[in-house]
């Protein structure tokens, strides 16, 4: 969830720049849609104002999974 923080939010908490923003921004340029679980994001105490614009906030991870599975996407697990 911390990867979804923008530069200001990440830097204020971890005293360094978000190392994942370059990848998130590159994925966004090729129309990859990224979501963060809203319940986890808020449970960690992150402020929605500090979320990067290239990651969408989902109500929960489960609701996002159900929505996309109903559209034909498949969940791949590595357990």
C-alpha atoms as a PDB file:
ATOM      1  CA  UNK A   1       0.000   0.000   0.000  1.00  0.00           C
ATOM      2  CA  UNK A   2       2.859   2.412   0.629  1.00  0.00           C
ATOM      3  CA  UNK A   3       3.778   2.164  -3.057  1.00  0.00           C
ATOM      4  CA  UNK A   4       0.569   4.061  -3.851  1.00  0.00           C
ATOM      5  CA  UNK A   5       1.798   7.154  -1.998  1.00  0.00           C
ATOM      6  CA  UNK A   6       2.831  10.198  -3.998  1.00  0.00           C
ATOM      7  CA  UNK A   7       6.237  11.825  -3.560  1.00  0.00           C
ATOM      8  CA  UNK A   8       5.166  14.153  -0.736  1.00  0.00           C
ATOM      9  CA  UNK A   9       3.334  11.464   1.252  1.00  0.00           C
ATOM     10  CA  UNK A  10       6.072   8.875   0.889  1.00  0.00           C
ATOM     11  CA  UNK A  11       8.891  11.290   1.685  1.00  0.00           C
ATOM     12  CA  UNK A  12       7.162  12.616   4.794  1.00  0.00           C
ATOM     13  CA  UNK A  13       6.805   9.100   6.201  1.00  0.00           C
ATOM     14  CA  UNK A  14       9.943   7.321   5.007  1.00  0.00           C
ATOM     15  CA  UNK A  15      12.411  10.205   4.504  1.00  0.00           C
ATOM     16  CA  UNK A  16      13.189   9.061   0.957  1.00  0.00           C
ATOM     17  CA  UNK A  17      11.486   9.189  -2.422  1.00  0.00           C
ATOM     18  CA  UNK A  18       9.027   6.480  -3.434  1.00  0.00           C
ATOM     19  CA  UNK A  19      11.128   4.016  -5.466  1.00  0.00           C
ATOM     20  CA  UNK A  20       8.009   2.604  -7.144  1.00  0.00           C
ATOM     21  CA  UNK A  21       6.662   5.805  -8.710  1.00  0.00           C
ATOM     22  CA  UNK A  22       8.815   5.530 -11.833  1.00  0.00           C
ATOM     23  CA  UNK A  23       7.384   2.075 -12.575  1.00  0.00           C
ATOM     24  CA  UNK A  24       3.824   3.134 -11.669  1.00  0.00           C
ATOM     25  CA  UNK A  25       4.086   6.128 -14.010  1.00  0.00           C
ATOM     26  CA  UNK A  26       5.540   3.987 -16.822  1.00  0.00           C
ATOM     27  CA  UNK A  27       2.731   1.452 -16.471  1.00  0.00           C
ATOM     28  CA  UNK A  28       0.201   4.269 -16.584  1.00  0.00           C
ATOM     29  CA  UNK A  29       1.594   5.474 -19.929  1.00  0.00           C
ATOM     30  CA  UNK A  30       0.741   2.092 -21.494  1.00  0.00           C
ATOM     31  CA  UNK A  31      -2.772   2.091 -19.994  1.00  0.00           C
ATOM     32  CA  UNK A  32      -2.167  -0.378 -17.151  1.00  0.00           C
ATOM     33  CA  UNK A  33      -4.680   0.359 -14.416  1.00  0.00           C
ATOM     34  CA  UNK A  34      -3.421  -0.029 -10.861  1.00  0.00           C
ATOM     35  CA  UNK A  35      -5.567  -0.158  -7.743  1.00  0.00           C
ATOM     36  CA  UNK A  36      -4.825  -0.066  -4.051  1.00  0.00           C
ATOM     37  CA  UNK A  37      -7.081  -1.610  -1.418  1.00  0.00           C
ATOM     38  CA  UNK A  38      -8.834   1.295   0.259  1.00  0.00           C
ATOM     39  CA  UNK A  39      -9.266  -0.582   3.528  1.00  0.00           C
ATOM     40  CA  UNK A  40      -5.544  -1.316   3.776  1.00  0.00           C
ATOM     41  CA  UNK A  41      -4.549   2.163   2.649  1.00  0.00           C
ATOM     42  CA  UNK A  42      -6.658   3.790   5.361  1.00  0.00           C
ATOM     43  CA  UNK A  43      -5.812   1.156   7.995  1.00  0.00           C
ATOM     44  CA  UNK A  44      -2.139   2.086   7.627  1.00  0.00           C
ATOM     45  CA  UNK A  45      -3.146   5.669   8.319  1.00  0.00           C
ATOM     46  CA  UNK A  46      -2.279   7.003   4.878  1.00  0.00           C
ATOM     47  CA  UNK A  47      -4.090  10.145   3.759  1.00  0.00           C
ATOM     48  CA  UNK A  48      -6.034   9.824   0.495  1.00  0.00           C
ATOM     49  CA  UNK A  49      -4.676  13.259  -0.464  1.00  0.00           C
ATOM     50  CA  UNK A  50      -1.199  11.644  -0.521  1.00  0.00           C
ATOM     51  CA  UNK A  51      -2.145   8.885  -2.989  1.00  0.00           C
ATOM     52  CA  UNK A  52      -0.481   9.124  -6.384  1.00  0.00           C
ATOM     53  CA  UNK A  53      -2.906  10.005  -9.159  1.00  0.00           C
ATOM     54  CA  UNK A  54      -1.830   6.956 -11.212  1.00  0.00           C
ATOM     55  CA  UNK A  55      -3.201   4.473  -8.669  1.00  0.00           C
ATOM     56  CA  UNK A  56      -6.930   4.247  -8.135  1.00  0.00           C
ATOM     57  CA  UNK A  57      -8.431   3.648  -4.700  1.00  0.00           C
ATOM     58  CA  UNK A  58     -10.708   0.608  -4.582  1.00  0.00           C
ATOM     59  CA  UNK A  59     -13.232   0.139  -1.795  1.00  0.00           C
ATOM     60  CA  UNK A  60     -11.382  -3.080  -1.017  1.00  0.00           C
ATOM     61  CA  UNK A  61      -9.166  -5.555  -2.825  1.00  0.00           C
ATOM     62  CA  UNK A  62     -11.984  -8.089  -2.795  1.00  0.00           C
ATOM     63  CA  UNK A  63     -14.470  -5.803  -4.525  1.00  0.00           C
ATOM     64  CA  UNK A  64     -11.946  -5.027  -7.260  1.00  0.00           C
ATOM     65  CA  UNK A  65     -11.225  -8.729  -7.761  1.00  0.00           C
ATOM     66  CA  UNK A  66     -14.912  -9.635  -7.994  1.00  0.00           C
ATOM     67  CA  UNK A  67     -15.553  -6.850 -10.497  1.00  0.00           C
ATOM     68  CA  UNK A  68     -12.709  -7.796 -12.813  1.00  0.00           C
ATOM     69  CA  UNK A  69     -13.324 -11.540 -12.544  1.00  0.00           C
ATOM     70  CA  UNK A  70     -16.921 -10.918 -13.632  1.00  0.00           C
ATOM     71  CA  UNK A  71     -15.473  -9.178 -16.708  1.00  0.00           C
ATOM     72  CA  UNK A  72     -13.415 -12.242 -17.642  1.00  0.00           C
ATOM     73  CA  UNK A  73     -10.111 -11.472 -15.944  1.00  0.00           C
ATOM     74  CA  UNK A  74      -8.451 -14.310 -14.056  1.00  0.00           C
ATOM     75  CA  UNK A  75      -6.728 -14.169 -10.671  1.00  0.00           C
ATOM     76  CA  UNK A  76      -3.310 -15.823 -10.708  1.00  0.00           C
ATOM     77  CA  UNK A  77      -2.013 -16.950  -7.331  1.00  0.00           C
ATOM     78  CA  UNK A  78       1.484 -18.106  -6.532  1.00  0.00           C
ATOM     79  CA  UNK A  79       0.753 -20.151  -3.402  1.00  0.00           C
END
